[in-house]
Amino acid sequence: MALVRKRKIWWEPVPEAASYVVYVSTNGETFDPGRFAWEATPGVLFKPVAGRTELTLPDDWPEFPAGPGTYYIGITSKDEMENQSDPFVSSAQFKFRPPSPPLKAGIESL
């Protein structure tokens, strides 16, 4: 089995938050005011998170994109009335597929 390095998304807890929602997009403009529509934003995957302030990828979010690239992560706080904050946005390079093994190799006596 190939070794694929995991990534952790974390955030500081918000005292008045009952839960959080983590969003992922390949387009940073998705999170611009006027475009971002929380769970209704086209082309954005999201994951509700309750009781913790981190996700380990890909373990905690198998649907997270596996392809290589820069992904924009938005994290919102949600209160008990379902009010949701603006997102805190960051970005990073992600890649959850290892390279191919060498096509040919050998061992020789010298």
PDB file of N, CA and C in Angstrom:
ATOM      1  N   MET A   1       0.847  -1.176   0.000  1.00  0.00           N
ATOM      2  CA  MET A   1       0.000   0.000   0.000  1.00  0.00           C
ATOM      3  C   MET A   1       0.898   1.247   0.000  1.00  0.00           C
ATOM      4  N   ALA A   2       0.576   2.193  -0.821  1.00  0.00           N
ATOM      5  CA  ALA A   2       1.351   3.433  -0.930  1.00  0.00           C
ATOM      6  C   ALA A   2       1.151   4.313   0.304  1.00  0.00           C
ATOM      7  N   LEU A   3       2.130   5.153   0.558  1.00  0.00           N
ATOM      8  CA  LEU A   3       2.038   6.103   1.670  1.00  0.00           C
ATOM      9  C   LEU A   3       1.474   7.422   1.146  1.00  0.00           C
ATOM     10  N   VAL A   4       0.358   7.843   1.688  1.00  0.00           N
ATOM     11  CA  VAL A   4      -0.248   9.128   1.336  1.00  0.00           C
ATOM     12  C   VAL A   4      -0.311   9.947   2.613  1.00  0.00           C
ATOM     13  N   ARG A   5       0.328  11.104   2.607  1.00  0.00           N
ATOM     14  CA  ARG A   5       0.369  11.968   3.784  1.00  0.00           C
ATOM     15  C   ARG A   5      -0.999  12.573   4.047  1.00  0.00           C
ATOM     16  N   LYS A   6      -1.416  12.526   5.288  1.00  0.00           N
ATOM     17  CA  LYS A   6      -2.692  13.112   5.687  1.00  0.00           C
ATOM     18  C   LYS A   6      -2.505  14.606   5.932  1.00  0.00           C
ATOM     19  N   ARG A   7      -3.599  15.344   5.906  1.00  0.00           N
ATOM     20  CA  ARG A   7      -3.594  16.774   6.199  1.00  0.00           C
ATOM     21  C   ARG A   7      -4.620  17.038   7.286  1.00  0.00           C
ATOM     22  N   LYS A   8      -4.368  18.056   8.104  1.00  0.00           N
ATOM     23  CA  LYS A   8      -5.316  18.416   9.158  1.00  0.00           C
ATOM     24  C   LYS A   8      -5.790  19.844   8.930  1.00  0.00           C
ATOM     25  N   ILE A   9      -7.101  20.005   8.935  1.00  0.00           N
ATOM     26  CA  ILE A   9      -7.728  21.332   8.932  1.00  0.00           C
ATOM     27  C   ILE A   9      -8.164  21.576  10.360  1.00  0.00           C
ATOM     28  N   TRP A  10      -7.789  22.701  10.940  1.00  0.00           N
ATOM     29  CA  TRP A  10      -8.158  23.002  12.321  1.00  0.00           C
ATOM     30  C   TRP A  10      -8.589  24.462  12.426  1.00  0.00           C
ATOM     31  N   TRP A  11      -9.306  24.763  13.502  1.00  0.00           N
ATOM     32  CA  TRP A  11      -9.735  26.130  13.766  1.00  0.00           C
ATOM     33  C   TRP A  11      -9.935  26.307  15.257  1.00  0.00           C
ATOM     34  N   GLU A  12      -9.858  27.546  15.680  1.00  0.00           N
ATOM     35  CA  GLU A  12     -10.080  27.842  17.095  1.00  0.00           C
ATOM     36  C   GLU A  12     -11.567  27.789  17.397  1.00  0.00           C
ATOM     37  N   PRO A  13     -11.944  27.290  18.567  1.00  0.00           N
ATOM     38  CA  PRO A  13     -13.364  27.233  18.919  1.00  0.00           C
ATOM     39  C   PRO A  13     -13.954  28.634  19.108  1.00  0.00           C
ATOM     40  N   VAL A  14     -15.213  28.745  18.789  1.00  0.00           N
ATOM     41  CA  VAL A  14     -15.966  29.990  18.977  1.00  0.00           C
ATOM     42  C   VAL A  14     -16.964  29.724  20.104  1.00  0.00           C
ATOM     43  N   PRO A  15     -16.909  30.499  21.207  1.00  0.00           N
ATOM     44  CA  PRO A  15     -17.753  30.201  22.370  1.00  0.00           C
ATOM     45  C   PRO A  15     -19.243  30.072  22.059  1.00  0.00           C
ATOM     46  N   GLU A  16     -19.783  30.905  21.199  1.00  0.00           N
ATOM     47  CA  GLU A  16     -21.222  30.854  20.928  1.00  0.00           C
ATOM     48  C   GLU A  16     -21.599  29.898  19.796  1.00  0.00           C
ATOM     49  N   ALA A  17     -20.642  29.161  19.255  1.00  0.00           N
ATOM     50  CA  ALA A  17     -20.927  28.227  18.162  1.00  0.00           C
ATOM     51  C   ALA A  17     -21.414  26.885  18.703  1.00  0.00           C
ATOM     52  N   ALA A  18     -22.483  26.376  18.098  1.00  0.00           N
ATOM     53  CA  ALA A  18     -22.984  25.041  18.415  1.00  0.00           C
ATOM     54  C   ALA A  18     -22.349  24.001  17.500  1.00  0.00           C
ATOM     55  N   SER A  19     -21.929  24.437  16.309  1.00  0.00           N
ATOM     56  CA  SER A  19     -21.273  23.555  15.346  1.00  0.00           C
ATOM     57  C   SER A  19     -20.545  24.420  14.317  1.00  0.00           C
ATOM     58  N   TYR A  20     -19.956  23.761  13.339  1.00  0.00           N
ATOM     59  CA  TYR A  20     -19.206  24.442  12.284  1.00  0.00           C
ATOM     60  C   TYR A  20     -19.541  23.781  10.953  1.00  0.00           C
ATOM     61  N   VAL A  21     -19.229  24.479   9.866  1.00  0.00           N
ATOM     62  CA  VAL A  21     -19.344  23.897   8.536  1.00  0.00           C
ATOM     63  C   VAL A  21     -18.040  24.203   7.810  1.00  0.00           C
ATOM     64  N   VAL A  22     -17.455  23.160   7.209  1.00  0.00           N
ATOM     65  CA  VAL A  22     -16.222  23.318   6.449  1.00  0.00           C
ATOM     66  C   VAL A  22     -16.567  23.168   4.971  1.00  0.00           C
ATOM     67  N   TYR A  23     -16.124  24.126   4.176  1.00  0.00           N
ATOM     68  CA  TYR A  23     -16.399  24.154   2.739  1.00  0.00           C
ATOM     69  C   TYR A  23     -15.098  23.991   1.976  1.00  0.00           C
ATOM     70  N   VAL A  24     -15.159  23.412   0.773  1.00  0.00           N
ATOM     71  CA  VAL A  24     -13.983  23.309  -0.087  1.00  0.00           C
ATOM     72  C   VAL A  24     -14.372  23.673  -1.518  1.00  0.00           C
ATOM     73  N   SER A  25     -13.472  24.437  -2.160  1.00  0.00           N
ATOM     74  CA  SER A  25     -13.673  24.856  -3.540  1.00  0.00           C
ATOM     75  C   SER A  25     -12.322  24.977  -4.228  1.00  0.00           C
ATOM     76  N   THR A  26     -12.303  24.814  -5.534  1.00  0.00           N
ATOM     77  CA  THR A  26     -11.082  25.031  -6.308  1.00  0.00           C
ATOM     78  C   THR A  26     -10.959  26.488  -6.736  1.00  0.00           C
ATOM     79  N   ASN A  27     -11.981  27.280  -6.456  1.00  0.00           N
ATOM     80  CA  ASN A  27     -12.015  28.675  -6.877  1.00  0.00           C
ATOM     81  C   ASN A  27     -12.121  29.580  -5.651  1.00  0.00           C
ATOM     82  N   GLY A  28     -11.109  30.383  -5.415  1.00  0.00           N
ATOM     83  CA  GLY A  28     -11.113  31.281  -4.261  1.00  0.00           C
ATOM     84  C   GLY A  28     -12.197  32.336  -4.325  1.00  0.00           C
ATOM     85  N   GLU A  29     -12.648  32.686  -5.534  1.00  0.00           N
ATOM     86  CA  GLU A  29     -13.695  33.702  -5.676  1.00  0.00           C
ATOM     87  C   GLU A  29     -15.042  33.208  -5.165  1.00  0.00           C
ATOM     88  N   THR A  30     -15.171  31.903  -4.982  1.00  0.00           N
ATOM     89  CA  THR A  30     -16.403  31.312  -4.452  1.00  0.00           C
ATOM     90  C   THR A  30     -16.796  31.943  -3.127  1.00  0.00           C
ATOM     91  N   PHE A  31     -15.801  32.322  -2.328  1.00  0.00           N
ATOM     92  CA  PHE A  31     -16.063  32.837  -0.988  1.00  0.00           C
ATOM     93  C   PHE A  31     -16.199  34.353  -0.943  1.00  0.00           C
ATOM     94  N   ASP A  32     -16.180  35.023  -2.108  1.00  0.00           N
ATOM     95  CA  ASP A  32     -16.372  36.470  -2.135  1.00  0.00           C
ATOM     96  C   ASP A  32     -17.794  36.813  -1.690  1.00  0.00           C
ATOM     97  N   PRO A  33     -17.953  37.894  -0.901  1.00  0.00           N
ATOM     98  CA  PRO A  33     -19.312  38.315  -0.538  1.00  0.00           C
ATOM     99  C   PRO A  33     -20.122  38.554  -1.813  1.00  0.00           C
ATOM    100  N   GLY A  34     -21.364  38.176  -1.794  1.00  0.00           N
ATOM    101  CA  GLY A  34     -22.212  38.305  -2.968  1.00  0.00           C
ATOM    102  C   GLY A  34     -22.257  37.038  -3.801  1.00  0.00           C
ATOM    103  N   ARG A  35     -21.239  36.200  -3.693  1.00  0.00           N
ATOM    104  CA  ARG A  35     -21.217  34.914  -4.401  1.00  0.00           C
ATOM    105  C   ARG A  35     -21.470  33.755  -3.453  1.00  0.00           C
ATOM    106  N   PHE A  36     -20.929  33.874  -2.248  1.00  0.00           N
ATOM    107  CA  PHE A  36     -21.020  32.769  -1.300  1.00  0.00           C
ATOM    108  C   PHE A  36     -22.435  32.656  -0.754  1.00  0.00           C
ATOM    109  N   ALA A  37     -23.014  31.457  -0.851  1.00  0.00           N
ATOM    110  CA  ALA A  37     -24.387  31.214  -0.402  1.00  0.00           C
ATOM    111  C   ALA A  37     -24.449  30.034   0.564  1.00  0.00           C
ATOM    112  N   TRP A  38     -23.400  29.873   1.380  1.00  0.00           N
ATOM    113  CA  TRP A  38     -23.320  28.815   2.372  1.00  0.00           C
ATOM    114  C   TRP A  38     -23.584  27.460   1.722  1.00  0.00           C
ATOM    115  N   GLU A  39     -24.449  26.622   2.274  1.00  0.00           N
ATOM    116  CA  GLU A  39     -24.656  25.281   1.715  1.00  0.00           C
ATOM    117  C   GLU A  39     -25.251  25.271   0.314  1.00  0.00           C
ATOM    118  N   ALA A  40     -25.741  26.395  -0.172  1.00  0.00           N
ATOM    119  CA  ALA A  40     -26.351  26.461  -1.502  1.00  0.00           C
ATOM    120  C   ALA A  40     -25.389  26.992  -2.566  1.00  0.00           C
ATOM    121  N   THR A  41     -24.107  27.113  -2.263  1.00  0.00           N
ATOM    122  CA  THR A  41     -23.140  27.634  -3.232  1.00  0.00           C
ATOM    123  C   THR A  41     -22.836  26.555  -4.272  1.00  0.00           C
ATOM    124  N   PRO A  42     -23.101  26.834  -5.563  1.00  0.00           N
ATOM    125  CA  PRO A  42     -22.847  25.836  -6.605  1.00  0.00           C
ATOM    126  C   PRO A  42     -21.370  25.442  -6.672  1.00  0.00           C
ATOM    127  N   GLY A  43     -21.111  24.156  -6.851  1.00  0.00           N
ATOM    128  CA  GLY A  43     -19.762  23.661  -7.031  1.00  0.00           C
ATOM    129  C   GLY A  43     -18.927  23.566  -5.770  1.00  0.00           C
ATOM    130  N   VAL A  44     -19.531  23.773  -4.620  1.00  0.00           N
ATOM    131  CA  VAL A  44     -18.793  23.741  -3.354  1.00  0.00           C
ATOM    132  C   VAL A  44     -19.230  22.522  -2.544  1.00  0.00           C
ATOM    133  N   LEU A  45     -18.254  21.757  -2.075  1.00  0.00           N
ATOM    134  CA  LEU A  45     -18.552  20.657  -1.160  1.00  0.00           C
ATOM    135  C   LEU A  45     -18.501  21.183   0.264  1.00  0.00           C
ATOM    136  N   PHE A  46     -19.323  20.627   1.138  1.00  0.00           N
ATOM    137  CA  PHE A  46     -19.296  21.074   2.525  1.00  0.00           C
ATOM    138  C   PHE A  46     -19.503  19.900   3.467  1.00  0.00           C
ATOM    139  N   LYS A  47     -19.013  20.090   4.693  1.00  0.00           N
ATOM    140  CA  LYS A  47     -19.160  19.058   5.719  1.00  0.00           C
ATOM    141  C   LYS A  47     -19.509  19.710   7.038  1.00  0.00           C
ATOM    142  N   PRO A  48     -20.671  19.390   7.616  1.00  0.00           N
ATOM    143  CA  PRO A  48     -21.007  19.860   8.957  1.00  0.00           C
ATOM    144  C   PRO A  48     -20.110  19.164   9.989  1.00  0.00           C
ATOM    145  N   VAL A  49     -19.686  19.920  10.988  1.00  0.00           N
ATOM    146  CA  VAL A  49     -18.810  19.376  12.023  1.00  0.00           C
ATOM    147  C   VAL A  49     -19.353  19.818  13.384  1.00  0.00           C
ATOM    148  N   ALA A  50     -19.592  18.867  14.265  1.00  0.00           N
ATOM    149  CA  ALA A  50     -20.076  19.188  15.609  1.00  0.00           C
ATOM    150  C   ALA A  50     -19.177  18.500  16.638  1.00  0.00           C
ATOM    151  N   GLY A  51     -18.931  19.192  17.744  1.00  0.00           N
ATOM    152  CA  GLY A  51     -18.196  18.597  18.842  1.00  0.00           C
ATOM    153  C   GLY A  51     -16.689  18.570  18.702  1.00  0.00           C
ATOM    154  N   ARG A  52     -16.150  19.199  17.687  1.00  0.00           N
ATOM    155  CA  ARG A  52     -14.700  19.268  17.534  1.00  0.00           C
ATOM    156  C   ARG A  52     -14.291  20.418  16.621  1.00  0.00           C
ATOM    157  N   THR A  53     -13.006  20.697  16.582  1.00  0.00           N
ATOM    158  CA  THR A  53     -12.512  21.842  15.811  1.00  0.00           C
ATOM    159  C   THR A  53     -11.343  21.433  14.905  1.00  0.00           C
ATOM    160  N   GLU A  54     -11.457  20.255  14.322  1.00  0.00           N
ATOM    161  CA  GLU A  54     -10.463  19.815  13.350  1.00  0.00           C
ATOM    162  C   GLU A  54     -11.002  18.657  12.532  1.00  0.00           C
ATOM    163  N   LEU A  55     -10.437  18.493  11.346  1.00  0.00           N
ATOM    164  CA  LEU A  55     -10.722  17.347  10.479  1.00  0.00           C
ATOM    165  C   LEU A  55      -9.395  16.811   9.971  1.00  0.00           C
ATOM    166  N   THR A  56      -9.247  15.501   9.948  1.00  0.00           N
ATOM    167  CA  THR A  56      -8.076  14.874   9.356  1.00  0.00           C
ATOM    168  C   THR A  56      -8.486  14.363   7.979  1.00  0.00           C
ATOM    169  N   LEU A  57      -7.759  14.804   6.972  1.00  0.00           N
ATOM    170  CA  LEU A  57      -8.075  14.422   5.596  1.00  0.00           C
ATOM    171  C   LEU A  57      -7.080  13.369   5.112  1.00  0.00           C
ATOM    172  N   PRO A  58      -7.541  12.384   4.393  1.00  0.00           N
ATOM    173  CA  PRO A  58      -8.906  12.180   3.909  1.00  0.00           C
ATOM    174  C   PRO A  58      -9.794  11.368   4.854  1.00  0.00           C
ATOM    175  N   ASP A  59      -9.287  10.936   6.007  1.00  0.00           N
ATOM    176  CA  ASP A  59     -10.033  10.034   6.897  1.00  0.00           C
ATOM    177  C   ASP A  59     -11.407  10.562   7.304  1.00  0.00           C
ATOM    178  N   ASP A  60     -11.475  11.811   7.780  1.00  0.00           N
ATOM    179  CA  ASP A  60     -12.727  12.361   8.303  1.00  0.00           C
ATOM    180  C   ASP A  60     -13.653  12.899   7.219  1.00  0.00           C
ATOM    181  N   TRP A  61     -13.151  12.994   5.988  1.00  0.00           N
ATOM    182  CA  TRP A  61     -13.964  13.550   4.897  1.00  0.00           C
ATOM    183  C   TRP A  61     -13.605  12.815   3.612  1.00  0.00           C
ATOM    184  N   PRO A  62     -14.073  11.573   3.441  1.00  0.00           N
ATOM    185  CA  PRO A  62     -13.716  10.782   2.259  1.00  0.00           C
ATOM    186  C   PRO A  62     -14.122  11.435   0.939  1.00  0.00           C
ATOM    187  N   GLU A  63     -15.122  12.311   0.967  1.00  0.00           N
ATOM    188  CA  GLU A  63     -15.587  12.965  -0.266  1.00  0.00           C
ATOM    189  C   GLU A  63     -14.693  14.144  -0.671  1.00  0.00           C
ATOM    190  N   PHE A  64     -13.734  14.520   0.176  1.00  0.00           N
ATOM    191  CA  PHE A  64     -12.822  15.622  -0.160  1.00  0.00           C
ATOM    192  C   PHE A  64     -12.108  15.261  -1.463  1.00  0.00           C
ATOM    193  N   PRO A  65     -11.954  16.230  -2.379  1.00  0.00           N
ATOM    194  CA  PRO A  65     -11.331  15.929  -3.673  1.00  0.00           C
ATOM    195  C   PRO A  65      -9.942  15.295  -3.513  1.00  0.00           C
ATOM    196  N   ALA A  66      -9.677  14.247  -4.285  1.00  0.00           N
ATOM    197  CA  ALA A  66      -8.397  13.546  -4.211  1.00  0.00           C
ATOM    198  C   ALA A  66      -7.389  14.073  -5.220  1.00  0.00           C
ATOM    199  N   GLY A  67      -7.865  14.787  -6.242  1.00  0.00           N
ATOM    200  CA  GLY A  67      -6.963  15.280  -7.275  1.00  0.00           C
ATOM    201  C   GLY A  67      -6.026  16.347  -6.761  1.00  0.00           C
ATOM    202  N   PRO A  68      -4.859  16.481  -7.392  1.00  0.00           N
ATOM    203  CA  PRO A  68      -3.905  17.497  -6.955  1.00  0.00           C
ATOM    204  C   PRO A  68      -4.376  18.896  -7.332  1.00  0.00           C
ATOM    205  N   GLY A  69      -4.032  19.860  -6.489  1.00  0.00           N
ATOM    206  CA  GLY A  69      -4.358  21.244  -6.806  1.00  0.00           C
ATOM    207  C   GLY A  69      -4.460  22.100  -5.566  1.00  0.00           C
ATOM    208  N   THR A  70      -4.684  23.381  -5.805  1.00  0.00           N
ATOM    209  CA  THR A  70      -4.912  24.319  -4.719  1.00  0.00           C
ATOM    210  C   THR A  70      -6.393  24.304  -4.391  1.00  0.00           C
ATOM    211  N   TYR A  71      -6.695  24.091  -3.124  1.00  0.00           N
ATOM    212  CA  TYR A  71      -8.084  24.091  -2.669  1.00  0.00           C
ATOM    213  C   TYR A  71      -8.266  25.201  -1.649  1.00  0.00           C
ATOM    214  N   TYR A  72      -9.404  25.858  -1.747  1.00  0.00           N
ATOM    215  CA  TYR A  72      -9.768  26.932  -0.831  1.00  0.00           C
ATOM    216  C   TYR A  72     -10.724  26.347   0.192  1.00  0.00           C
ATOM    217  N   ILE A  73     -10.394  26.555   1.456  1.00  0.00           N
ATOM    218  CA  ILE A  73     -11.172  26.002   2.563  1.00  0.00           C
ATOM    219  C   ILE A  73     -11.841  27.152   3.301  1.00  0.00           C
ATOM    220  N   GLY A  74     -13.151  27.081   3.439  1.00  0.00           N
ATOM    221  CA  GLY A  74     -13.909  28.060   4.212  1.00  0.00           C
ATOM    222  C   GLY A  74     -14.488  27.375   5.441  1.00  0.00           C
ATOM    223  N   ILE A  75     -14.379  28.025   6.580  1.00  0.00           N
ATOM    224  CA  ILE A  75     -14.912  27.463   7.823  1.00  0.00           C
ATOM    225  C   ILE A  75     -15.863  28.481   8.431  1.00  0.00           C
ATOM    226  N   THR A  76     -17.090  28.050   8.711  1.00  0.00           N
ATOM    227  CA  THR A  76     -18.076  28.936   9.329  1.00  0.00           C
ATOM    228  C   THR A  76     -18.488  28.383  10.686  1.00  0.00           C
ATOM    229  N   SER A  77     -18.929  29.278  11.546  1.00  0.00           N
ATOM    230  CA  SER A  77     -19.496  28.917  12.845  1.00  0.00           C
ATOM    231  C   SER A  77     -21.008  28.962  12.724  1.00  0.00           C
ATOM    232  N   LYS A  78     -21.671  28.035  13.401  1.00  0.00           N
ATOM    233  CA  LYS A  78     -23.134  27.962  13.350  1.00  0.00           C
ATOM    234  C   LYS A  78     -23.652  27.940  14.781  1.00  0.00           C
ATOM    235  N   ASP A  79     -24.680  28.756  15.069  1.00  0.00           N
ATOM    236  CA  ASP A  79     -25.241  28.743  16.419  1.00  0.00           C
ATOM    237  C   ASP A  79     -26.440  27.809  16.499  1.00  0.00           C
ATOM    238  N   GLU A  80     -27.031  27.719  17.685  1.00  0.00           N
ATOM    239  CA  GLU A  80     -28.149  26.788  17.905  1.00  0.00           C
ATOM    240  C   GLU A  80     -29.393  27.141  17.103  1.00  0.00           C
ATOM    241  N   MET A  81     -29.476  28.380  16.601  1.00  0.00           N
ATOM    242  CA  MET A  81     -30.619  28.799  15.774  1.00  0.00           C
ATOM    243  C   MET A  81     -30.331  28.638  14.278  1.00  0.00           C
ATOM    244  N   GLU A  82     -29.190  28.016  13.949  1.00  0.00           N
ATOM    245  CA  GLU A  82     -28.763  27.775  12.569  1.00  0.00           C
ATOM    246  C   GLU A  82     -28.244  29.028  11.858  1.00  0.00           C
ATOM    247  N   ASN A  83     -28.018  30.127  12.608  1.00  0.00           N
ATOM    248  CA  ASN A  83     -27.349  31.292  12.020  1.00  0.00           C
ATOM    249  C   ASN A  83     -25.916  30.886  11.740  1.00  0.00           C
ATOM    250  N   GLN A  84     -25.376  31.347  10.613  1.00  0.00           N
ATOM    251  CA  GLN A  84     -24.040  30.938  10.202  1.00  0.00           C
ATOM    252  C   GLN A  84     -23.183  32.149   9.885  1.00  0.00           C
ATOM    253  N   SER A  85     -21.960  32.136  10.377  1.00  0.00           N
ATOM    254  CA  SER A  85     -21.042  33.257  10.182  1.00  0.00           C
ATOM    255  C   SER A  85     -20.542  33.338   8.745  1.00  0.00           C
ATOM    256  N   ASP A  86     -19.856  34.431   8.443  1.00  0.00           N
ATOM    257  CA  ASP A  86     -19.078  34.501   7.216  1.00  0.00           C
ATOM    258  C   ASP A  86     -17.951  33.484   7.338  1.00  0.00           C
ATOM    259  N   PRO A  87     -17.402  33.025   6.223  1.00  0.00           N
ATOM    260  CA  PRO A  87     -16.341  32.024   6.308  1.00  0.00           C
ATOM    261  C   PRO A  87     -14.970  32.620   6.602  1.00  0.00           C
ATOM    262  N   PHE A  88     -14.189  31.875   7.368  1.00  0.00           N
ATOM    263  CA  PHE A  88     -12.754  32.120   7.468  1.00  0.00           C
ATOM    264  C   PHE A  88     -12.162  31.303   6.329  1.00  0.00           C
ATOM    265  N   VAL A  89     -11.384  31.937   5.443  1.00  0.00           N
ATOM    266  CA  VAL A  89     -10.910  31.267   4.236  1.00  0.00           C
ATOM    267  C   VAL A  89      -9.388  31.145   4.248  1.00  0.00           C
ATOM    268  N   SER A  90      -8.908  29.971   3.903  1.00  0.00           N
ATOM    269  CA  SER A  90      -7.480  29.752   3.697  1.00  0.00           C
ATOM    270  C   SER A  90      -7.337  28.818   2.497  1.00  0.00           C
ATOM    271  N   SER A  91      -6.111  28.661   2.015  1.00  0.00           N
ATOM    272  CA  SER A  91      -5.889  27.778   0.873  1.00  0.00           C
ATOM    273  C   SER A  91      -4.581  27.028   1.052  1.00  0.00           C
ATOM    274  N   ALA A  92      -4.489  25.894   0.367  1.00  0.00           N
ATOM    275  CA  ALA A  92      -3.274  25.075   0.422  1.00  0.00           C
ATOM    276  C   ALA A  92      -3.275  24.117  -0.763  1.00  0.00           C
ATOM    277  N   GLN A  93      -2.100  23.581  -1.047  1.00  0.00           N
ATOM    278  CA  GLN A  93      -1.963  22.533  -2.046  1.00  0.00           C
ATOM    279  C   GLN A  93      -2.369  21.204  -1.421  1.00  0.00           C
ATOM    280  N   PHE A  94      -3.178  20.432  -2.133  1.00  0.00           N
ATOM    281  CA  PHE A  94      -3.595  19.117  -1.676  1.00  0.00           C
ATOM    282  C   PHE A  94      -3.317  18.098  -2.775  1.00  0.00           C
ATOM    283  N   LYS A  95      -2.957  16.899  -2.360  1.00  0.00           N
ATOM    284  CA  LYS A  95      -2.772  15.786  -3.289  1.00  0.00           C
ATOM    285  C   LYS A  95      -2.823  14.513  -2.465  1.00  0.00           C
ATOM    286  N   PHE A  96      -3.827  13.688  -2.708  1.00  0.00           N
ATOM    287  CA  PHE A  96      -4.002  12.462  -1.949  1.00  0.00           C
ATOM    288  C   PHE A  96      -3.778  11.208  -2.792  1.00  0.00           C
ATOM    289  N   ARG A  97      -2.998  11.358  -3.846  1.00  0.00           N
ATOM    290  CA  ARG A  97      -2.632  10.203  -4.671  1.00  0.00           C
ATOM    291  C   ARG A  97      -1.117  10.163  -4.775  1.00  0.00           C
ATOM    292  N   PRO A  98      -0.526   8.993  -4.560  1.00  0.00           N
ATOM    293  CA  PRO A  98       0.929   8.892  -4.661  1.00  0.00           C
ATOM    294  C   PRO A  98       1.366   8.821  -6.120  1.00  0.00           C
ATOM    295  N   PRO A  99       2.648   9.087  -6.382  1.00  0.00           N
ATOM    296  CA  PRO A  99       3.134   8.915  -7.756  1.00  0.00           C
ATOM    297  C   PRO A  99       3.198   7.433  -8.106  1.00  0.00           C
ATOM    298  N   SER A 100       3.372   7.135  -9.385  1.00  0.00           N
ATOM    299  CA  SER A 100       3.523   5.749  -9.837  1.00  0.00           C
ATOM    300  C   SER A 100       4.869   5.206  -9.374  1.00  0.00           C
ATOM    301  N   PRO A 101       4.955   3.912  -9.187  1.00  0.00           N
ATOM    302  CA  PRO A 101       6.259   3.322  -8.850  1.00  0.00           C
ATOM    303  C   PRO A 101       7.139   3.317 -10.105  1.00  0.00           C
ATOM    304  N   PRO A 102       8.443   3.092  -9.933  1.00  0.00           N
ATOM    305  CA  PRO A 102       9.311   2.973 -11.114  1.00  0.00           C
ATOM    306  C   PRO A 102       8.820   1.848 -12.026  1.00  0.00           C
ATOM    307  N   LEU A 103       8.967   2.038 -13.316  1.00  0.00           N
ATOM    308  CA  LEU A 103       8.514   1.029 -14.255  1.00  0.00           C
ATOM    309  C   LEU A 103       9.472  -0.164 -14.356  1.00  0.00           C
ATOM    310  N   LYS A 104      10.743   0.090 -14.034  1.00  0.00           N
ATOM    311  CA  LYS A 104      11.737  -0.974 -14.150  1.00  0.00           C
ATOM    312  C   LYS A 104      12.830  -0.741 -13.112  1.00  0.00           C
ATOM    313  N   ALA A 105      13.329  -1.816 -12.543  1.00  0.00           N
ATOM    314  CA  ALA A 105      14.421  -1.741 -11.563  1.00  0.00           C
ATOM    315  C   ALA A 105      15.136  -3.086 -11.562  1.00  0.00           C
ATOM    316  N   GLY A 106      16.234  -3.164 -10.875  1.00  0.00           N
ATOM    317  CA  GLY A 106      16.947  -4.423 -10.820  1.00  0.00           C
ATOM    318  C   GLY A 106      17.985  -4.420  -9.719  1.00  0.00           C
ATOM    319  N   ILE A 107      18.599  -5.575  -9.511  1.00  0.00           N
ATOM    320  CA  ILE A 107      19.691  -5.734  -8.547  1.00  0.00           C
ATOM    321  C   ILE A 107      20.819  -6.426  -9.298  1.00  0.00           C
ATOM    322  N   GLU A 108      22.011  -5.868  -9.175  1.00  0.00           N
ATOM    323  CA  GLU A 108      23.156  -6.425  -9.897  1.00  0.00           C
ATOM    324  C   GLU A 108      24.287  -6.751  -8.925  1.00  0.00           C
ATOM    325  N   SER A 109      25.055  -7.739  -9.250  1.00  0.00           N
ATOM    326  CA  SER A 109      26.264  -8.051  -8.502  1.00  0.00           C
ATOM    327  C   SER A 109      27.394  -7.229  -9.081  1.00  0.00           C
ATOM    328  N   LEU A 110      28.266  -6.698  -8.238  1.00  0.00           N
ATOM    329  CA  LEU A 110      29.408  -5.908  -8.674  1.00  0.00           C
ATOM    330  C   LEU A 110      30.703  -6.609  -8.369  1.00  0.00           C
TER     331      LEU A 110
END
